[in-house]
């Protein structure tokens, strides 16, 4: 089915005889978060923006779709991502909360066991927690309030259309699985992990960009539960982190309808969490602390266990190629994707949209295609910090596939271990630590002279045997 829908009557085919000419039209491939935010930005410059989505999109409300297979697992939107989304879509935070999302303070609202010990009641950063289907649905409804943006659902792109000169120097549209090619002044690929951008560029005579990959072989398994009634509970979520000598962990977050979503995780061979319902609790019992197991052992399961394994950090360096066609950009997971355990994917999508907005602010529609190479570099830079965090942490685990950490990375890893130890108890360290982790502050925040002196003079990694006692500021579940 090839169904182009009007923004205000989703599901109804429309005819628009007054559509503007292709020179004032942009196409965004993929209606996930990266694509939606990019469309919102481009609608400030182009008279029409078409979102081309391979999946049929749910019409009645939030629902699972095949193009977002990771949606059944815990998702985190850090404060910086939420702030940028609010700038692009004023009021979106309130609408997300009304739809069931929770805005919490991390780590204060959590029982969080870090590799260095329990986090105390230290300052951190806000996080928005919600099912991915709720986030995508709510953002999509807001984006499509702009009458310049339309969705063409159930339609897959199969290649790029080269400019009239035929030499591949520019992209002027996309070929679709069914129907005529869709012409446009600008094409943005935000199709995520299934992106074929490298193949499409090669077909136009461009070099295949080099790729970087770091895979700690993290595996997920998730299940939802009814949250037991407990008026004395003093926490909202649980996070038991894994570490190289204990490579299993788990996360519990609140969902709408008095539900919990629990994601168990494990690194490397022999530690993949089970997808059989009867084995889920047994795996939870093996974590470094009993806190998560104790929370769910008597809770009513509401869904079967569902696995996810595609968690490698992968980056296609489109920003490095020497020749780049006018009129084409690759954004989001299509260009760079991360191990989801760090919760950076949605925030980086917002950062990339913000970078795109800044880069085209002073350009007219006719100027934007010629600036595509610069736009590619600017949006790629938005992923740099998240890439550094994810790959340097994943390189700690034995068996990680990819280049081993170099000397500078090993030194940084040792320093960051001490930062983590300090951040669990020292507000002077936790504040900059969460600033960097939430992508609100640059990494050199943790390398300021005052922070370095504080970390190196006061904090060491724990040397005594680890205790699994509950942190005193929250107490055990039900306390």
Protein backbone atom coordinates (compact mmCIF):
# COMPACT_ATOMS: atom_id res chain seq x y z
CA UNK A 1 0.00 0.00 0.00
CA UNK A 2 1.26 3.46 -0.91
CA UNK A 3 -0.79 5.85 1.19
CA UNK A 4 -0.12 9.57 1.34
CA UNK A 5 -2.01 11.05 4.24
CA UNK A 6 -3.17 14.49 5.21
CA UNK A 7 -1.83 15.67 8.55
CA UNK A 8 -5.22 16.27 10.11
CA UNK A 9 -7.01 13.13 8.90
CA UNK A 10 -4.45 10.35 9.17
CA UNK A 11 -5.28 7.41 6.96
CA UNK A 12 -7.20 9.41 4.32
CA UNK A 13 -5.59 9.63 0.85
CA UNK A 14 -5.40 13.17 -0.34
CA UNK A 15 -4.88 15.02 -3.58
CA UNK A 16 -3.06 18.32 -3.49
CA UNK A 17 -3.23 20.00 -6.91
CA UNK A 18 -1.66 23.11 -5.42
CA UNK A 19 1.48 21.31 -4.24
CA UNK A 20 4.54 23.55 -4.61
CA UNK A 21 7.15 22.79 -7.22
CA UNK A 22 9.91 20.26 -6.36
CA UNK A 23 12.40 23.06 -5.78
CA UNK A 24 10.50 23.97 -2.61
CA UNK A 25 10.00 20.39 -1.42
CA UNK A 26 12.06 18.30 1.02
CA UNK A 27 11.76 14.55 1.60
CA UNK A 28 12.64 12.84 4.87
CA UNK A 29 12.97 9.06 4.78
CA UNK A 30 11.86 7.52 8.07
CA UNK A 31 9.18 8.71 10.48
CA UNK A 32 11.01 7.77 13.66
CA UNK A 33 12.15 10.40 16.13
CA UNK A 34 15.15 11.57 14.07
CA UNK A 35 13.00 11.90 10.95
CA UNK A 36 10.15 13.67 12.73
CA UNK A 37 12.42 16.27 14.30
CA UNK A 38 14.28 16.82 11.01
CA UNK A 39 10.95 17.35 9.23
CA UNK A 40 9.95 19.90 11.85
CA UNK A 41 13.18 21.82 11.23
CA UNK A 42 12.95 21.67 7.42
CA UNK A 43 9.35 22.89 7.46
CA UNK A 44 10.70 26.27 8.57
CA UNK A 45 12.39 26.58 5.16
CA UNK A 46 10.49 24.46 2.65
CA UNK A 47 6.89 24.91 1.56
CA UNK A 48 6.32 21.16 1.78
CA UNK A 49 8.04 18.31 3.61
CA UNK A 50 7.10 14.68 2.93
CA UNK A 51 7.90 11.97 5.46
CA UNK A 52 8.29 8.63 3.66
CA UNK A 53 7.84 5.70 6.05
CA UNK A 54 8.10 2.01 5.19
CA UNK A 55 5.76 0.95 8.00
CA UNK A 56 2.06 1.57 8.13
CA UNK A 57 1.73 4.01 11.02
CA UNK A 58 -0.75 3.38 13.84
CA UNK A 59 -3.78 5.64 13.59
CA UNK A 60 -5.72 5.04 16.80
CA UNK A 61 -2.91 5.58 19.29
CA UNK A 62 0.53 4.39 20.37
CA UNK A 63 1.34 0.89 19.06
CA UNK A 64 4.29 -1.28 18.17
CA UNK A 65 5.57 -1.21 14.58
CA UNK A 66 8.28 -3.38 12.99
CA UNK A 67 10.53 -0.45 12.07
CA UNK A 68 11.23 0.27 15.75
CA UNK A 69 11.98 -3.22 17.12
CA UNK A 70 13.72 -1.84 20.21
CA UNK A 71 10.57 -0.01 21.34
CA UNK A 72 9.59 -2.76 23.79
CA UNK A 73 12.60 -2.01 25.98
CA UNK A 74 13.47 0.79 28.41
CA UNK A 75 13.98 4.19 26.78
CA UNK A 76 15.50 7.27 28.38
CA UNK A 77 15.37 10.85 27.11
CA UNK A 78 17.98 12.88 28.95
CA UNK A 79 17.36 16.48 30.00
CA UNK A 80 19.26 17.99 27.06
CA UNK A 81 17.18 16.06 24.55
CA UNK A 82 13.95 17.06 26.29
CA UNK A 83 15.04 20.70 26.37
CA UNK A 84 15.77 20.73 22.63
CA UNK A 85 12.53 18.94 21.78
CA UNK A 86 10.65 21.53 23.82
CA UNK A 87 12.29 24.29 21.77
CA UNK A 88 11.26 22.62 18.52
CA UNK A 89 7.79 21.65 19.73
CA UNK A 90 6.69 24.01 22.52
CA UNK A 91 4.51 22.21 25.03
CA UNK A 92 5.70 18.71 24.07
CA UNK A 93 6.87 17.93 27.62
CA UNK A 94 3.40 18.50 29.04
CA UNK A 95 1.81 16.43 26.28
CA UNK A 96 4.22 13.56 26.92
CA UNK A 97 3.47 13.66 30.63
CA UNK A 98 -0.27 13.75 29.90
CA UNK A 99 0.22 10.67 27.71
CA UNK A 100 1.83 8.79 30.61
CA UNK A 101 5.51 9.79 30.59
CA UNK A 102 7.30 10.50 33.86
CA UNK A 103 9.94 13.19 34.35
CA UNK A 104 12.25 12.06 37.15
CA UNK A 105 15.45 13.25 38.77
CA UNK A 106 18.34 10.87 38.22
CA UNK A 107 19.77 9.48 40.47
CA UNK A 108 17.63 10.80 43.35
CA UNK A 109 14.44 9.02 42.26
CA UNK A 110 16.24 5.70 41.69
CA UNK A 111 17.84 2.85 43.52
CA UNK A 112 21.00 2.97 41.38
CA UNK A 113 23.91 0.63 41.95
CA UNK A 114 26.83 1.92 39.87
CA UNK A 115 30.06 -0.02 39.21
CA UNK A 116 31.51 1.91 42.16
CA UNK A 117 28.59 1.50 44.58
CA UNK A 118 25.18 2.95 45.38
CA UNK A 119 24.35 6.49 44.34
CA UNK A 120 23.31 8.64 47.27
CA UNK A 121 20.99 11.65 47.20
CA UNK A 122 23.31 13.71 45.01
CA UNK A 123 22.39 16.24 42.30
CA UNK A 124 22.06 14.78 38.83
CA UNK A 125 19.89 15.41 35.77
CA UNK A 126 16.28 15.11 34.72
CA UNK A 127 15.20 12.17 32.57
CA UNK A 128 11.93 11.53 30.77
CA UNK A 129 10.78 7.92 30.89
CA UNK A 130 8.02 6.50 28.72
CA UNK A 131 7.35 3.67 26.34
CA UNK A 132 8.87 4.39 22.95
CA UNK A 133 5.49 3.98 21.26
CA UNK A 134 4.09 6.78 23.46
CA UNK A 135 7.02 9.07 22.68
CA UNK A 136 6.87 8.52 18.91
CA UNK A 137 3.08 8.85 18.78
CA UNK A 138 3.01 12.08 20.82
CA UNK A 139 5.86 13.70 18.89
CA UNK A 140 4.33 12.64 15.56
CA UNK A 141 0.98 14.23 16.41
CA UNK A 142 2.69 17.50 17.28
CA UNK A 143 4.93 17.52 14.19
CA UNK A 144 2.00 16.84 11.90
CA UNK A 145 0.11 19.84 13.24
CA UNK A 146 2.29 21.79 10.80
CA UNK A 147 0.31 21.80 7.57
CA UNK A 148 3.50 21.81 5.51
CA UNK A 149 4.39 18.30 6.65
CA UNK A 150 2.73 15.18 5.26
CA UNK A 151 3.33 11.46 5.74
CA UNK A 152 3.54 8.87 3.01
CA UNK A 153 3.21 5.65 5.00
CA UNK A 154 3.64 2.08 3.77
CA UNK A 155 6.13 3.27 1.17
CA UNK A 156 9.78 2.21 1.01
CA UNK A 157 12.53 4.15 -0.74
CA UNK A 158 14.72 2.02 -3.02
CA UNK A 159 17.32 4.51 -4.24
CA UNK A 160 18.27 8.09 -4.97
CA UNK A 161 17.48 10.08 -8.10
CA UNK A 162 20.53 11.83 -9.59
CA UNK A 163 20.36 15.35 -10.98
CA UNK A 164 19.52 16.08 -14.59
CA UNK A 165 23.21 16.24 -15.47
CA UNK A 166 23.35 12.49 -14.75
CA UNK A 167 26.80 12.64 -13.16
CA UNK A 168 25.56 12.10 -9.63
CA UNK A 169 26.64 15.56 -8.54
CA UNK A 170 23.29 16.17 -6.92
CA UNK A 171 20.32 14.26 -5.55
CA UNK A 172 16.93 15.43 -6.76
CA UNK A 173 14.61 12.83 -5.32
CA UNK A 174 14.07 9.21 -4.30
CA UNK A 175 12.85 6.12 -6.05
CA UNK A 176 10.03 4.29 -4.33
CA UNK A 177 9.13 0.62 -4.23
CA UNK A 178 5.85 1.45 -5.91
CA UNK A 179 4.86 4.42 -8.04
CA UNK A 180 6.77 7.26 -9.61
CA UNK A 181 9.95 8.72 -8.10
CA UNK A 182 9.41 11.50 -5.60
CA UNK A 183 11.26 14.66 -6.62
CA UNK A 184 12.67 17.07 -4.05
CA UNK A 185 15.21 19.80 -3.51
CA UNK A 186 16.56 17.97 -0.44
CA UNK A 187 16.47 14.31 0.66
CA UNK A 188 17.25 13.31 4.26
CA UNK A 189 17.86 9.66 5.15
CA UNK A 190 16.66 8.96 8.71
CA UNK A 191 15.79 5.29 8.16
CA UNK A 192 17.86 4.07 11.10
CA UNK A 193 19.63 0.72 11.23
CA UNK A 194 18.08 -0.41 7.93
CA UNK A 195 19.58 2.51 5.99
CA UNK A 196 20.90 1.73 2.50
CA UNK A 197 22.57 5.12 2.09
CA UNK A 198 26.05 3.66 1.46
CA UNK A 199 24.71 1.43 -1.32
CA UNK A 200 22.72 4.27 -2.82
CA UNK A 201 25.74 6.57 -2.84
CA UNK A 202 27.90 3.84 -4.40
CA UNK A 203 25.33 3.49 -7.18
CA UNK A 204 25.86 7.19 -7.96
CA UNK A 205 29.63 6.74 -8.11
CA UNK A 206 30.55 7.85 -4.59
CA UNK A 207 33.01 6.10 -2.33
CA UNK A 208 31.67 3.91 0.44
CA UNK A 209 32.53 5.71 3.68
CA UNK A 210 34.65 3.99 6.27
CA UNK A 211 32.75 2.56 9.20
CA UNK A 212 33.63 2.17 12.88
CA UNK A 213 32.20 -0.58 15.03
CA UNK A 214 32.44 -1.48 18.71
CA UNK A 215 30.27 -4.35 19.93
CA UNK A 216 30.27 -5.41 23.58
CA UNK A 217 27.62 -8.02 22.66
CA UNK A 218 25.07 -6.61 25.03
CA UNK A 219 21.75 -8.46 25.00
CA UNK A 220 18.37 -7.28 26.30
CA UNK A 221 15.22 -8.96 27.53
CA UNK A 222 12.22 -6.95 28.71
CA UNK A 223 8.88 -7.57 30.34
CA UNK A 224 6.18 -5.35 31.84
CA UNK A 225 4.61 -5.86 35.26
CA UNK A 226 1.77 -4.41 37.28
CA UNK A 227 3.38 -2.18 39.90
CA UNK A 228 2.43 -3.50 43.37
CA UNK A 229 0.65 -0.98 45.59
CA UNK A 230 3.01 0.34 48.23
CA UNK A 231 2.41 3.84 49.68
CA UNK A 232 5.69 3.62 51.58
CA UNK A 233 7.88 3.15 48.49
CA UNK A 234 10.44 5.94 48.32
CA UNK A 235 11.85 5.26 44.85
CA UNK A 236 10.46 5.41 41.31
CA UNK A 237 12.96 3.27 39.43
CA UNK A 238 15.82 0.80 39.83
CA UNK A 239 19.13 0.50 37.97
CA UNK A 240 21.65 -2.21 38.74
CA UNK A 241 24.60 -1.66 36.39
CA UNK A 242 26.82 -4.42 35.12
CA UNK A 243 30.59 -4.19 35.12
CA UNK A 244 33.38 -6.32 33.61
CA UNK A 245 33.62 -8.68 36.60
CA UNK A 246 29.82 -8.94 36.91
CA UNK A 247 28.43 -8.41 33.41
CA UNK A 248 24.71 -8.58 34.22
CA UNK A 249 22.36 -5.76 35.04
CA UNK A 250 18.80 -4.58 34.97
CA UNK A 251 16.59 -1.50 34.81
CA UNK A 252 13.08 -0.91 36.16
CA UNK A 253 11.15 2.22 35.13
CA UNK A 254 7.56 3.38 35.64
CA UNK A 255 5.06 3.38 32.77
CA UNK A 256 1.56 4.79 32.49
CA UNK A 257 -1.25 2.74 33.98
CA UNK A 258 0.63 1.79 37.16
CA UNK A 259 2.98 -0.48 35.25
CA UNK A 260 6.68 -1.18 35.41
CA UNK A 261 8.89 -1.96 32.45
CA UNK A 262 11.85 -4.13 33.38
CA UNK A 263 14.82 -4.65 31.05
CA UNK A 264 17.43 -7.25 32.00
CA UNK A 265 20.80 -7.10 30.25
CA UNK A 266 24.01 -9.04 29.95
CA UNK A 267 27.34 -8.57 28.21
CA UNK A 268 29.08 -11.29 26.23
CA UNK A 269 28.78 -15.02 25.87
CA UNK A 270 26.81 -16.81 28.56
CA UNK A 271 25.19 -13.67 29.95
CA UNK A 272 22.34 -12.98 27.52
CA UNK A 273 19.12 -12.64 29.54
CA UNK A 274 16.43 -15.21 28.74
CA UNK A 275 13.39 -14.66 26.57
CA UNK A 276 11.47 -17.49 28.22
CA UNK A 277 9.03 -16.15 30.78
CA UNK A 278 9.79 -18.79 33.39
CA UNK A 279 13.52 -17.92 33.34
CA UNK A 280 13.15 -14.15 33.63
CA UNK A 281 13.02 -14.02 37.44
CA UNK A 282 15.85 -16.51 37.79
CA UNK A 283 18.13 -14.22 35.78
CA UNK A 284 17.07 -11.18 37.84
CA UNK A 285 18.15 -13.10 40.96
CA UNK A 286 21.74 -13.30 39.61
CA UNK A 287 22.38 -9.53 39.53
CA UNK A 288 24.93 -7.87 41.82
CA UNK A 289 22.15 -6.77 44.17
CA UNK A 290 18.78 -8.39 44.97
CA UNK A 291 17.01 -5.04 44.74
CA UNK A 292 15.43 -5.55 41.31
CA UNK A 293 14.52 -9.17 41.96
CA UNK A 294 12.91 -8.22 45.27
CA UNK A 295 10.85 -5.56 43.50
CA UNK A 296 9.35 -7.86 40.87
CA UNK A 297 9.32 -11.33 42.42
CA UNK A 298 5.68 -11.00 43.52
CA UNK A 299 4.58 -8.56 40.78
CA UNK A 300 2.04 -9.66 38.19
CA UNK A 301 3.60 -10.04 34.70
CA UNK A 302 1.64 -8.22 32.00
CA UNK A 303 3.63 -9.21 28.91
CA UNK A 304 5.90 -11.99 27.70
CA UNK A 305 9.66 -11.52 27.77
CA UNK A 306 11.01 -10.00 24.57
CA UNK A 307 14.65 -10.00 23.48
CA UNK A 308 16.81 -7.52 21.57
CA UNK A 309 20.37 -8.14 20.41
CA UNK A 310 21.32 -5.45 17.86
CA UNK A 311 23.17 -3.22 20.32
CA UNK A 312 26.55 -2.59 18.65
CA UNK A 313 27.95 0.91 18.34
CA UNK A 314 28.21 1.53 14.58
CA UNK A 315 29.18 4.69 12.75
CA UNK A 316 29.32 5.39 9.02
CA UNK A 317 31.68 8.30 8.49
CA UNK A 318 29.78 10.14 5.80
CA UNK A 319 31.27 13.36 7.12
CA UNK A 320 34.74 12.23 5.99
CA UNK A 321 34.11 11.46 2.31
CA UNK A 322 35.79 13.84 -0.13
CA UNK A 323 32.90 14.04 -2.61
CA UNK A 324 29.35 14.51 -1.42
CA UNK A 325 26.24 15.10 -3.52
CA UNK A 326 24.24 18.27 -3.19
CA UNK A 327 20.78 17.74 -1.81
CA UNK A 328 21.39 14.71 0.44
CA UNK A 329 21.95 14.25 4.21
CA UNK A 330 22.08 11.18 6.47
CA UNK A 331 20.86 11.63 10.07
CA UNK A 332 20.22 9.69 13.26
CA UNK A 333 20.86 5.96 13.55
CA UNK A 334 21.34 5.80 9.78
CA UNK A 335 24.65 7.59 10.33
CA UNK A 336 25.59 6.69 13.92
CA UNK A 337 24.00 4.39 16.48
CA UNK A 338 24.98 3.54 20.00
CA UNK A 339 24.73 0.79 22.54
CA UNK A 340 21.28 1.70 23.93
CA UNK A 341 22.26 1.01 27.54
CA UNK A 342 23.55 4.60 27.84
CA UNK A 343 20.20 6.05 26.75
CA UNK A 344 21.63 8.53 24.23
CA UNK A 345 19.88 7.69 20.96
CA UNK A 346 16.84 9.99 21.30
CA UNK A 347 18.88 12.83 22.80
CA UNK A 348 21.37 12.65 19.91
CA UNK A 349 18.45 12.78 17.47
CA UNK A 350 17.38 16.04 19.12
CA UNK A 351 20.97 17.35 19.06
CA UNK A 352 21.23 16.59 15.34
CA UNK A 353 17.94 18.37 14.63
CA UNK A 354 19.18 21.37 16.60
CA UNK A 355 22.46 21.34 14.64
CA UNK A 356 20.52 21.18 11.38
CA UNK A 357 18.33 24.10 12.46
CA UNK A 358 21.37 26.22 13.33
CA UNK A 359 23.13 25.37 10.07
CA UNK A 360 20.20 26.35 7.81
CA UNK A 361 18.99 29.32 9.83
CA UNK A 362 20.44 31.89 7.40
CA UNK A 363 19.93 29.86 4.22
CA UNK A 364 17.08 29.96 1.75
CA UNK A 365 15.57 26.77 0.25
CA UNK A 366 17.63 27.16 -2.92
CA UNK A 367 20.88 27.41 -0.92
CA UNK A 368 20.36 24.41 1.37
CA UNK A 369 21.11 21.61 -1.18
CA UNK A 370 24.52 23.08 -2.00
CA UNK A 371 25.36 23.18 1.71
CA UNK A 372 24.66 19.44 2.15
CA UNK A 373 28.28 18.48 2.82
CA UNK A 374 28.60 21.12 5.54
CA UNK A 375 25.24 20.05 7.00
CA UNK A 376 26.42 16.44 7.06
CA UNK A 377 29.48 17.41 9.05
CA UNK A 378 27.54 19.61 11.46
CA UNK A 379 24.95 16.98 12.23
CA UNK A 380 27.57 14.22 12.53
CA UNK A 381 29.37 16.27 15.17
CA UNK A 382 26.23 16.10 17.33
CA UNK A 383 26.93 12.39 17.92
CA UNK A 384 30.59 12.72 18.89
CA UNK A 385 30.29 12.88 22.69
CA UNK A 386 27.76 10.04 22.89
CA UNK A 387 30.04 7.94 20.66
CA UNK A 388 33.03 8.58 22.92
CA UNK A 389 31.06 7.64 26.04
CA UNK A 390 29.58 4.46 24.60
CA UNK A 391 32.70 3.08 22.94
CA UNK A 392 35.14 3.86 25.76
CA UNK A 393 32.82 2.21 28.31
CA UNK A 394 32.10 -0.82 26.11
CA UNK A 395 35.81 -1.36 25.57
CA UNK A 396 36.11 -2.25 29.25
CA UNK A 397 34.36 -5.59 28.66
CA UNK A 398 36.41 -8.65 27.66
CA UNK A 399 35.36 -9.99 24.30
CA UNK A 400 34.24 -6.63 22.91
CA UNK A 401 34.57 -6.70 19.14
CA UNK A 402 36.40 -3.77 17.63
CA UNK A 403 39.66 -1.88 18.11
CA UNK A 404 41.08 -2.26 21.63
CA UNK A 405 41.37 0.89 23.73
CA UNK A 406 44.50 2.89 23.03
CA UNK A 407 46.72 4.26 25.81
CA UNK A 408 44.84 7.56 26.05
CA UNK A 409 41.51 5.71 26.35
CA UNK A 410 42.87 3.42 29.07
CA UNK A 411 44.05 6.43 31.07
CA UNK A 412 40.66 8.07 30.62
CA UNK A 413 38.89 4.87 31.71
CA UNK A 414 40.87 4.79 34.95
CA UNK A 415 40.10 8.43 35.61
CA UNK A 416 36.41 7.95 34.85
CA UNK A 417 36.27 5.03 37.28
CA UNK A 418 37.35 7.43 40.01
CA UNK A 419 34.88 10.03 38.75
CA UNK A 420 32.11 7.44 39.06
CA UNK A 421 33.18 6.62 42.61
CA UNK A 422 33.09 10.30 43.52
CA UNK A 423 29.81 10.97 41.73
CA UNK A 424 27.98 8.44 43.93
CA UNK A 425 28.50 10.59 47.04
CA UNK A 426 30.12 13.95 46.21
CA UNK A 427 27.82 16.69 44.85
CA UNK A 428 30.86 18.54 43.50
CA UNK A 429 31.51 15.60 41.19
CA UNK A 430 28.01 14.28 40.57
CA UNK A 431 26.80 17.57 39.08
CA UNK A 432 29.42 17.73 36.28
CA UNK A 433 29.25 13.95 35.81
CA UNK A 434 25.53 14.03 35.07
CA UNK A 435 25.97 17.16 33.00
CA UNK A 436 28.22 15.19 30.67
CA UNK A 437 26.16 11.98 30.82
CA UNK A 438 22.99 13.87 29.89
CA UNK A 439 24.88 15.54 27.00
CA UNK A 440 24.16 18.95 28.54
CA UNK A 441 27.83 19.73 29.21
CA UNK A 442 31.00 19.03 27.19
CA UNK A 443 33.32 16.22 28.35
CA UNK A 444 36.06 18.68 29.33
CA UNK A 445 33.77 19.74 32.19
CA UNK A 446 35.13 16.69 34.01
CA UNK A 447 38.68 17.79 33.25
CA UNK A 448 38.51 21.25 34.77
CA UNK A 449 41.35 21.81 37.26
CA UNK A 450 39.01 21.94 40.25
CA UNK A 451 37.24 18.71 39.30
CA UNK A 452 40.48 16.85 38.54
CA UNK A 453 41.99 17.83 41.89
CA UNK A 454 38.79 16.84 43.69
CA UNK A 455 38.63 13.45 41.95
CA UNK A 456 42.30 12.51 42.32
CA UNK A 457 42.70 13.74 45.88
CA UNK A 458 39.53 12.31 47.41
CA UNK A 459 38.36 9.29 45.44
CA UNK A 460 39.63 5.80 44.79
CA UNK A 461 37.86 2.70 43.54
CA UNK A 462 36.43 0.57 46.37
CA UNK A 463 38.84 -2.11 47.48
CA UNK A 464 36.69 -3.79 50.13
CA UNK A 465 34.22 -6.56 49.18
CA UNK A 466 31.07 -5.10 47.68
CA UNK A 467 27.98 -4.89 49.84
CA UNK A 468 24.52 -5.44 48.41
CA UNK A 469 22.79 -3.63 51.25
CA UNK A 470 20.11 -1.17 50.17
CA UNK A 471 21.09 2.49 50.13
CA UNK A 472 20.05 4.17 53.36
CA UNK A 473 18.28 7.11 51.68
CA UNK A 474 15.77 4.81 49.96
CA UNK A 475 15.67 1.55 51.88
CA UNK A 476 14.51 -1.79 50.49
CA UNK A 477 11.41 -2.19 48.33
CA UNK A 478 8.37 -1.78 50.52
CA UNK A 479 10.22 -0.01 53.31
